Amino acid sequence: MNILIAPDSFKECLTAKEVAKSIAKGVKIALPNADIVQIPLSDGGEGLLDALVQPMQGKLISLDVKDPLLRTIKAEYGISDDGTTAIVEMATASGLELLSEEEKNPLVTSSFGVGQLILDALNRGCSKIIIGLGGSATNDGGVGMIKALGGNFLDVNNEEIGEGGGAISELHRIDLSDLNPKIGECKFIAACDVSNPLTGENGASLVFGTQKGGATEDLKRLDSNLLHYATILNSHLGIDVNSIKGAGAAGGLGAALFSILGAKMRSGIDLIIDYLHLEKQIQNSDLVITGEGKIDSQTLYGKTIMGVAKIASKHNVPVVAIAGKIDDDIDEIYKKGITAVFSVTNQPMNLEDSISGADNLIKQCVGNVMRVFKLNQFK
């Protein structure tokens, strides 16, 4: 029996690679002779490096960058074996997981570190840079990133504005004359799993600001600042970023990538599927096991497991999905190629216990699922 294991990460718990290993252990409990292929996936956020660097036979580059609060940290990005393509996971430099709960504040957090990763890749001669937009701690519209690349964001006194989403209200003029010239020789691809606009009720601030530490009274201010930013971008570059799907990704980083760096926006899971030749792997499988930390109604919109299910349904390959938490409103995903969904939790437990026991919970859940397939003589 050929089984493809292709999960996303269980965020703040296990990486996609770790989840895949746990699933494989569960399969072996019931089917020790199964032929297993493990392909950890990502929707463009956490896990992008794991998903792409090894298949590209690439390497990781570590360097000092500024974290969201401008403290110096070590961060990594990947470069393909031929040295032409860089893979940047923005969260490694500007992600929520770099901050404690008390430190989260989108009024002051900056995407400067992402720009430093991109700059290093440009200086190494990369002609294509893939940037994953998940897990951002910022709401600065990518201003910090562009600053690191040589851009200037000036107030009415022709002085550089401060860092973070709160400082954007002071923006009067954008000067890109010192922008790194290598940018024009590079192709940028922004990988994300959301299509949110920059501003408005579905925009970066009002939808994602709270999880980044924004107080309720700050969200409208942040949204207003990004609208001001969009107006200035339009007047300087002639690009209406508010009309671009995905411009609100990563606290508006998508807007700067598209308007200033000329990036092409792509669904993260679609990009991963293409690079990993996942369709061929699915065609050669009798069963696909995927999963993510939470499965809910939002899973339908660009999430990893739906990208897997879409291909599998085309080739009539059954798909089992596992998750740490399953909401009630998931009926639609069964119409989109998912055969069955299982929660890995086997009894009432708190979050800490579910996280600490995740490896064993996944193994036991998958073991039981595979016993059912074995009982029904699935082939």
Protein backbone atom coordinates (compact mmCIF):
# COMPACT_ATOMS: atom_id res chain seq x y z
CA MET A 1 0.00 0.00 0.00
CA ASN A 2 1.39 3.39 -1.03
CA ILE A 3 0.66 6.16 1.44
CA LEU A 4 1.55 9.81 0.94
CA ILE A 5 1.88 11.84 4.14
CA ALA A 6 1.56 15.54 3.34
CA PRO A 7 0.61 17.70 6.35
CA ASP A 8 1.03 21.33 7.28
CA SER A 9 2.43 22.27 10.70
CA PHE A 10 0.42 22.23 13.90
CA LYS A 11 1.18 25.87 14.68
CA GLU A 12 2.95 26.58 18.00
CA CYS A 13 3.17 22.82 18.50
CA LEU A 14 4.89 20.73 15.80
CA THR A 15 6.51 21.61 12.47
CA ALA A 16 5.14 20.01 9.32
CA LYS A 17 8.18 17.72 9.27
CA GLU A 18 7.50 16.61 12.85
CA VAL A 19 3.81 16.04 12.11
CA ALA A 20 4.72 13.90 9.10
CA LYS A 21 7.03 11.75 11.22
CA SER A 22 4.32 11.27 13.86
CA ILE A 23 1.80 10.26 11.21
CA ALA A 24 4.27 7.77 9.75
CA LYS A 25 4.71 6.14 13.15
CA GLY A 26 0.94 5.77 13.40
CA VAL A 27 0.70 4.17 9.96
CA LYS A 28 3.39 1.65 10.86
CA ILE A 29 1.42 0.52 13.93
CA ALA A 30 -1.28 -1.01 11.73
CA LEU A 31 0.52 -1.39 8.39
CA PRO A 32 4.21 -2.06 9.06
CA ASN A 33 4.86 -2.95 5.43
CA ALA A 34 3.25 0.14 3.90
CA ASP A 35 5.32 2.17 1.47
CA ILE A 36 5.36 5.69 2.90
CA VAL A 37 6.41 8.97 1.32
CA GLN A 38 6.62 12.01 3.61
CA ILE A 39 6.29 15.50 2.10
CA PRO A 40 5.91 18.27 4.71
CA LEU A 41 3.89 21.17 3.31
CA SER A 42 3.25 24.84 3.96
CA ASP A 43 0.65 27.39 2.87
CA GLY A 44 3.34 30.02 2.53
CA GLY A 45 3.84 30.76 6.20
CA GLU A 46 5.56 28.66 8.81
CA GLY A 47 7.33 25.68 7.26
CA LEU A 48 8.13 27.22 3.88
CA LEU A 49 11.86 26.64 4.41
CA ASP A 50 11.33 23.01 5.41
CA ALA A 51 9.06 22.47 2.41
CA LEU A 52 11.32 23.94 -0.27
CA VAL A 53 14.99 24.03 0.72
CA GLN A 54 15.61 20.28 0.85
CA PRO A 55 13.79 19.49 -2.44
CA MET A 56 15.85 22.26 -4.06
CA GLN A 57 18.98 20.61 -2.59
CA GLY A 58 19.63 24.01 -1.12
CA LYS A 59 21.22 25.32 2.04
CA LEU A 60 20.27 27.58 4.92
CA ILE A 61 21.93 30.96 5.39
CA SER A 62 22.04 32.41 8.91
CA LEU A 63 22.63 36.08 9.60
CA ASP A 64 22.04 38.82 12.17
CA VAL A 65 18.84 40.80 11.58
CA LYS A 66 16.49 43.00 13.54
CA ASP A 67 13.47 41.35 15.13
CA PRO A 68 10.06 43.12 15.21
CA LEU A 69 11.28 45.32 18.08
CA LEU A 70 14.62 45.99 16.37
CA ARG A 71 16.64 43.72 18.64
CA THR A 72 19.44 41.78 16.97
CA ILE A 73 18.67 38.08 16.46
CA LYS A 74 19.81 35.23 14.23
CA ALA A 75 17.47 34.38 11.37
CA GLU A 76 17.69 31.96 8.46
CA TYR A 77 16.61 31.86 4.85
CA GLY A 78 17.27 29.30 2.11
CA ILE A 79 19.14 29.35 -1.17
CA SER A 80 18.72 26.76 -3.92
CA ASP A 81 21.62 24.55 -4.94
CA ASP A 82 22.33 26.64 -8.06
CA GLY A 83 22.34 29.86 -6.04
CA THR A 84 19.63 31.55 -8.11
CA THR A 85 16.58 31.26 -5.85
CA ALA A 86 16.14 32.38 -2.25
CA ILE A 87 13.35 31.26 0.07
CA VAL A 88 12.48 33.77 2.77
CA GLU A 89 10.05 32.90 5.55
CA MET A 90 9.20 36.35 6.84
CA ALA A 91 8.23 35.07 10.27
CA THR A 92 11.82 34.03 10.99
CA ALA A 93 12.72 37.72 11.21
CA SER A 94 9.42 39.50 11.89
CA GLY A 95 7.13 36.83 13.28
CA LEU A 96 4.76 36.67 16.23
CA GLU A 97 6.64 33.76 17.79
CA LEU A 98 9.64 36.04 18.34
CA LEU A 99 7.66 38.09 20.88
CA SER A 100 6.14 37.41 24.26
CA GLU A 101 2.47 38.23 24.77
CA GLU A 102 3.44 41.44 26.55
CA GLU A 103 5.68 42.55 23.68
CA LYS A 104 3.12 42.21 20.90
CA ASN A 105 2.14 45.65 19.62
CA PRO A 106 1.46 46.37 15.91
CA LEU A 107 1.79 50.10 16.54
CA VAL A 108 5.56 49.68 16.95
CA THR A 109 6.60 46.34 15.43
CA SER A 110 8.64 46.52 12.23
CA SER A 111 9.26 44.34 9.16
CA PHE A 112 12.84 45.70 8.85
CA GLY A 113 14.38 42.23 9.43
CA VAL A 114 12.58 40.80 6.40
CA GLY A 115 14.24 43.43 4.25
CA GLN A 116 17.62 42.46 5.68
CA LEU A 117 17.09 38.83 4.64
CA ILE A 118 16.09 39.94 1.14
CA LEU A 119 19.08 42.28 0.91
CA ASP A 120 21.49 39.48 1.80
CA ALA A 121 19.94 37.25 -0.87
CA LEU A 122 20.28 40.02 -3.46
CA ASN A 123 23.92 40.55 -2.52
CA ARG A 124 24.56 36.83 -3.03
CA GLY A 125 23.29 37.09 -6.60
CA CYS A 126 19.81 35.56 -6.29
CA SER A 127 17.60 36.40 -9.26
CA LYS A 128 14.38 35.00 -7.76
CA ILE A 129 13.15 35.42 -4.19
CA ILE A 130 10.14 33.57 -2.79
CA ILE A 131 8.73 35.22 0.31
CA GLY A 132 6.29 33.44 2.62
CA LEU A 133 3.91 35.88 4.31
CA GLY A 134 2.50 33.94 7.26
CA GLY A 135 2.95 34.53 10.98
CA SER A 136 3.65 38.26 10.89
CA ALA A 137 3.94 40.31 14.08
CA THR A 138 3.73 43.55 12.10
CA ASN A 139 1.17 45.95 10.67
CA ASP A 140 3.53 48.42 9.03
CA GLY A 141 2.59 47.86 5.38
CA GLY A 142 6.09 46.59 4.66
CA VAL A 143 7.59 50.02 5.36
CA GLY A 144 10.31 48.52 7.55
CA MET A 145 11.20 45.99 4.85
CA ILE A 146 11.56 48.67 2.18
CA LYS A 147 13.64 50.84 4.55
CA ALA A 148 16.14 47.97 4.87
CA LEU A 149 16.34 47.86 1.08
CA GLY A 150 17.16 51.55 0.77
CA GLY A 151 13.74 53.18 0.56
CA ASN A 152 12.98 56.37 2.48
CA PHE A 153 9.63 57.19 4.09
CA LEU A 154 9.61 60.88 4.96
CA ASP A 155 7.42 63.18 7.04
CA VAL A 156 6.52 66.81 6.27
CA ASN A 157 9.94 67.88 7.60
CA ASN A 158 11.69 65.51 5.17
CA GLU A 159 12.80 63.30 8.04
CA GLU A 160 12.47 59.52 8.24
CA ILE A 161 9.33 58.36 10.01
CA GLY A 162 9.58 55.89 12.90
CA GLU A 163 8.95 52.17 12.91
CA GLY A 164 5.64 50.35 13.15
CA GLY A 165 2.07 50.81 12.04
CA GLY A 166 1.55 53.75 14.36
CA ALA A 167 4.19 55.89 12.65
CA ILE A 168 2.61 55.64 9.19
CA SER A 169 0.26 58.53 10.01
CA GLU A 170 3.33 60.80 9.79
CA LEU A 171 4.14 59.69 6.21
CA HIS A 172 4.17 62.53 3.69
CA ARG A 173 6.45 61.34 0.89
CA ILE A 174 8.15 58.17 -0.35
CA ASP A 175 11.64 58.40 -1.87
CA LEU A 176 12.84 55.27 -3.66
CA SER A 177 15.86 56.80 -5.35
CA ASP A 178 18.25 54.92 -3.03
CA LEU A 179 16.46 51.58 -3.39
CA ASN A 180 18.92 48.75 -4.03
CA PRO A 181 19.41 48.56 -7.82
CA LYS A 182 19.57 44.77 -7.74
CA ILE A 183 15.85 44.74 -7.03
CA GLY A 184 15.17 45.54 -10.67
CA GLU A 185 17.07 42.42 -11.74
CA CYS A 186 15.18 40.10 -9.39
CA LYS A 187 11.83 38.34 -9.67
CA PHE A 188 9.82 38.37 -6.43
CA ILE A 189 7.08 35.88 -5.59
CA ALA A 190 4.88 36.46 -2.55
CA ALA A 191 3.38 33.23 -1.21
CA CYS A 192 0.37 33.57 1.08
CA ASP A 193 -2.86 31.84 2.02
CA VAL A 194 -5.07 34.91 2.40
CA SER A 195 -6.66 37.28 -0.09
CA ASN A 196 -7.44 40.10 2.35
CA PRO A 197 -7.22 43.66 1.02
CA LEU A 198 -4.97 46.20 2.71
CA THR A 199 -7.72 48.14 4.49
CA GLY A 200 -11.38 48.01 5.42
CA GLU A 201 -13.44 45.52 7.38
CA ASN A 202 -11.59 42.60 5.78
CA GLY A 203 -8.23 44.34 5.80
CA ALA A 204 -4.96 43.69 7.58
CA SER A 205 -5.66 45.72 10.71
CA LEU A 206 -9.27 44.87 11.54
CA VAL A 207 -8.95 41.16 10.77
CA PHE A 208 -5.48 40.34 12.08
CA GLY A 209 -4.55 43.25 14.35
CA THR A 210 -5.91 41.73 17.54
CA GLN A 211 -3.80 38.57 17.31
CA LYS A 212 -0.75 40.80 16.90
CA GLY A 213 -1.46 42.54 20.18
CA GLY A 214 -3.51 45.46 18.91
CA ALA A 215 -5.99 46.86 21.41
CA THR A 216 -9.54 47.39 20.14
CA GLU A 217 -9.09 51.15 20.13
CA ASP A 218 -5.89 50.81 18.06
CA LEU A 219 -7.35 48.83 15.17
CA LYS A 220 -9.21 51.70 13.50
CA ARG A 221 -6.12 53.88 13.88
CA LEU A 222 -3.98 51.20 12.22
CA ASP A 223 -6.51 50.78 9.43
CA SER A 224 -6.67 54.55 8.87
CA ASN A 225 -2.87 54.70 8.73
CA LEU A 226 -2.72 51.99 6.07
CA LEU A 227 -5.39 53.80 4.05
CA HIS A 228 -3.20 56.92 4.22
CA TYR A 229 -0.24 54.77 3.13
CA ALA A 230 -2.22 53.38 0.19
CA THR A 231 -3.13 56.90 -0.93
CA ILE A 232 0.52 57.96 -0.92
CA LEU A 233 1.61 54.80 -2.75
CA ASN A 234 -1.00 55.52 -5.39
CA SER A 235 0.09 59.13 -5.80
CA HIS A 236 3.78 58.18 -6.08
CA LEU A 237 3.56 54.94 -8.07
CA GLY A 238 0.16 55.06 -9.73
CA ILE A 239 -0.83 51.72 -8.14
CA ASP A 240 -4.06 51.29 -6.19
CA VAL A 241 -2.91 48.68 -3.65
CA ASN A 242 -6.34 48.69 -2.02
CA SER A 243 -7.71 46.89 -5.05
CA ILE A 244 -5.13 44.08 -4.87
CA LYS A 245 -6.14 40.77 -3.31
CA GLY A 246 -3.58 39.73 -0.73
CA ALA A 247 -2.22 43.24 -0.19
CA GLY A 248 -3.25 42.92 3.45
CA ALA A 249 -1.21 39.75 4.00
CA ALA A 250 1.40 39.93 6.77
CA GLY A 251 0.23 43.29 8.05
CA GLY A 252 0.30 44.87 4.62
CA LEU A 253 3.66 43.45 3.59
CA GLY A 254 1.87 42.21 0.48
CA ALA A 255 1.15 45.80 -0.54
CA ALA A 256 4.83 46.80 -0.49
CA LEU A 257 5.92 43.62 -2.22
CA PHE A 258 3.47 44.17 -5.07
CA SER A 259 3.72 47.93 -5.53
CA ILE A 260 7.40 48.58 -4.80
CA LEU A 261 9.17 45.27 -5.50
CA GLY A 262 6.87 44.18 -8.34
CA ALA A 263 6.12 40.83 -6.73
CA LYS A 264 3.73 38.30 -8.17
CA MET A 265 1.19 37.12 -5.59
CA ARG A 266 0.64 33.36 -5.46
CA SER A 267 -1.32 30.97 -3.29
CA GLY A 268 1.24 29.43 -0.97
CA ILE A 269 -0.05 25.89 -1.27
CA ASP A 270 -0.30 26.13 -5.09
CA LEU A 271 3.31 27.27 -5.25
CA ILE A 272 4.43 24.43 -2.99
CA ILE A 273 2.45 21.91 -5.05
CA ASP A 274 4.20 23.06 -8.21
CA TYR A 275 7.71 23.06 -6.78
CA LEU A 276 7.34 19.65 -5.12
CA HIS A 277 5.58 17.99 -8.10
CA LEU A 278 2.95 16.90 -5.59
CA GLU A 279 0.39 15.84 -8.20
CA LYS A 280 2.67 13.06 -9.43
CA GLN A 281 3.17 11.85 -5.85
CA ILE A 282 -0.58 11.81 -5.24
CA GLN A 283 -1.26 9.93 -8.48
CA ASN A 284 1.07 7.17 -7.29
CA SER A 285 -0.63 6.86 -3.89
CA ASP A 286 -3.44 4.67 -2.58
CA LEU A 287 -4.13 7.05 0.29
CA VAL A 288 -3.13 10.57 1.30
CA ILE A 289 -2.94 11.63 4.95
CA THR A 290 -2.79 15.38 5.56
CA GLY A 291 -3.53 17.67 8.47
CA GLU A 292 -3.14 20.97 10.26
CA GLY A 293 -3.56 22.32 13.77
CA LYS A 294 -7.16 23.46 13.33
CA ILE A 295 -9.78 22.58 10.74
CA ASP A 296 -12.68 25.01 10.46
CA SER A 297 -14.71 26.90 7.86
CA GLN A 298 -11.62 28.96 6.95
CA THR A 299 -9.85 25.78 5.86
CA LEU A 300 -11.72 26.02 2.58
CA TYR A 301 -9.94 29.24 1.62
CA GLY A 302 -6.43 28.52 0.46
CA LYS A 303 -5.33 26.26 3.30
CA THR A 304 -2.91 23.40 2.79
CA ILE A 305 -5.24 20.46 3.16
CA MET A 306 -7.65 21.81 0.54
CA GLY A 307 -4.85 22.16 -1.99
CA VAL A 308 -4.00 18.51 -1.37
CA ALA A 309 -7.64 17.45 -1.56
CA LYS A 310 -8.22 19.27 -4.84
CA ILE A 311 -5.54 17.25 -6.60
CA ALA A 312 -6.43 13.97 -4.88
CA SER A 313 -10.09 14.23 -5.88
CA LYS A 314 -9.02 14.68 -9.51
CA HIS A 315 -7.30 11.30 -9.34
CA ASN A 316 -9.87 9.58 -7.07
CA VAL A 317 -7.39 9.15 -4.24
CA PRO A 318 -8.97 9.21 -0.74
CA VAL A 319 -7.73 11.84 1.71
CA VAL A 320 -7.74 11.55 5.49
CA ALA A 321 -7.20 14.80 7.41
CA ILE A 322 -6.20 15.03 11.08
CA ALA A 323 -6.23 18.08 13.33
CA GLY A 324 -5.74 19.14 16.91
CA LYS A 325 -9.09 20.94 16.86
CA ILE A 326 -12.13 20.56 14.60
CA ASP A 327 -14.96 23.11 14.48
CA ASP A 328 -18.58 22.20 13.82
CA ASP A 329 -18.92 24.08 10.52
CA ILE A 330 -16.78 21.89 8.25
CA ASP A 331 -19.39 20.05 6.17
CA GLU A 332 -18.31 21.81 2.98
CA ILE A 333 -14.81 20.33 3.03
CA TYR A 334 -16.25 16.85 2.43
CA LYS A 335 -17.55 18.13 -0.90
CA LYS A 336 -14.04 19.30 -1.85
CA GLY A 337 -12.13 16.04 -1.77
CA ILE A 338 -11.65 15.26 1.92
CA THR A 339 -12.80 11.71 2.68
CA ALA A 340 -12.72 11.87 6.49
CA VAL A 341 -11.55 14.18 9.29
CA PHE A 342 -10.29 13.06 12.69
CA SER A 343 -9.31 14.93 15.83
CA VAL A 344 -6.12 13.68 17.46
CA THR A 345 -7.36 14.52 20.97
CA ASN A 346 -8.78 11.43 22.65
CA GLN A 347 -10.16 12.95 25.86
CA PRO A 348 -10.84 16.36 27.42
CA MET A 349 -7.49 18.10 27.94
CA ASN A 350 -6.02 21.55 28.28
CA LEU A 351 -3.93 23.20 25.59
CA GLU A 352 -0.64 22.56 27.37
CA ASP A 353 -1.29 18.82 27.61
CA SER A 354 -2.37 18.57 23.98
CA ILE A 355 0.78 20.36 22.85
CA SER A 356 3.17 18.35 25.02
CA GLY A 357 1.55 15.07 23.99
CA ALA A 358 1.00 15.91 20.32
CA ASP A 359 3.44 13.35 18.90
CA ASN A 360 1.79 10.46 20.76
CA LEU A 361 -1.74 11.75 20.11
CA ILE A 362 -1.12 11.90 16.37
CA LYS A 363 0.50 8.45 16.36
CA GLN A 364 -2.43 6.88 18.24
CA CYS A 365 -5.08 8.61 16.11
CA VAL A 366 -3.49 7.59 12.82
CA GLY A 367 -2.88 4.07 14.11
CA ASN A 368 -6.58 3.70 14.82
CA VAL A 369 -7.54 5.16 11.44
CA MET A 370 -5.26 2.72 9.65
CA ARG A 371 -6.68 -0.22 11.60
CA VAL A 372 -10.08 0.69 10.12
CA PHE A 373 -8.62 0.74 6.62
CA LYS A 374 -6.97 -2.60 7.32
CA LEU A 375 -10.21 -4.04 8.67
CA ASN A 376 -11.98 -3.08 5.46
CA GLN A 377 -9.11 -4.55 3.43
CA PHE A 378 -8.46 -1.18 1.80
CA LYS A 379 -6.07 -1.45 -1.15
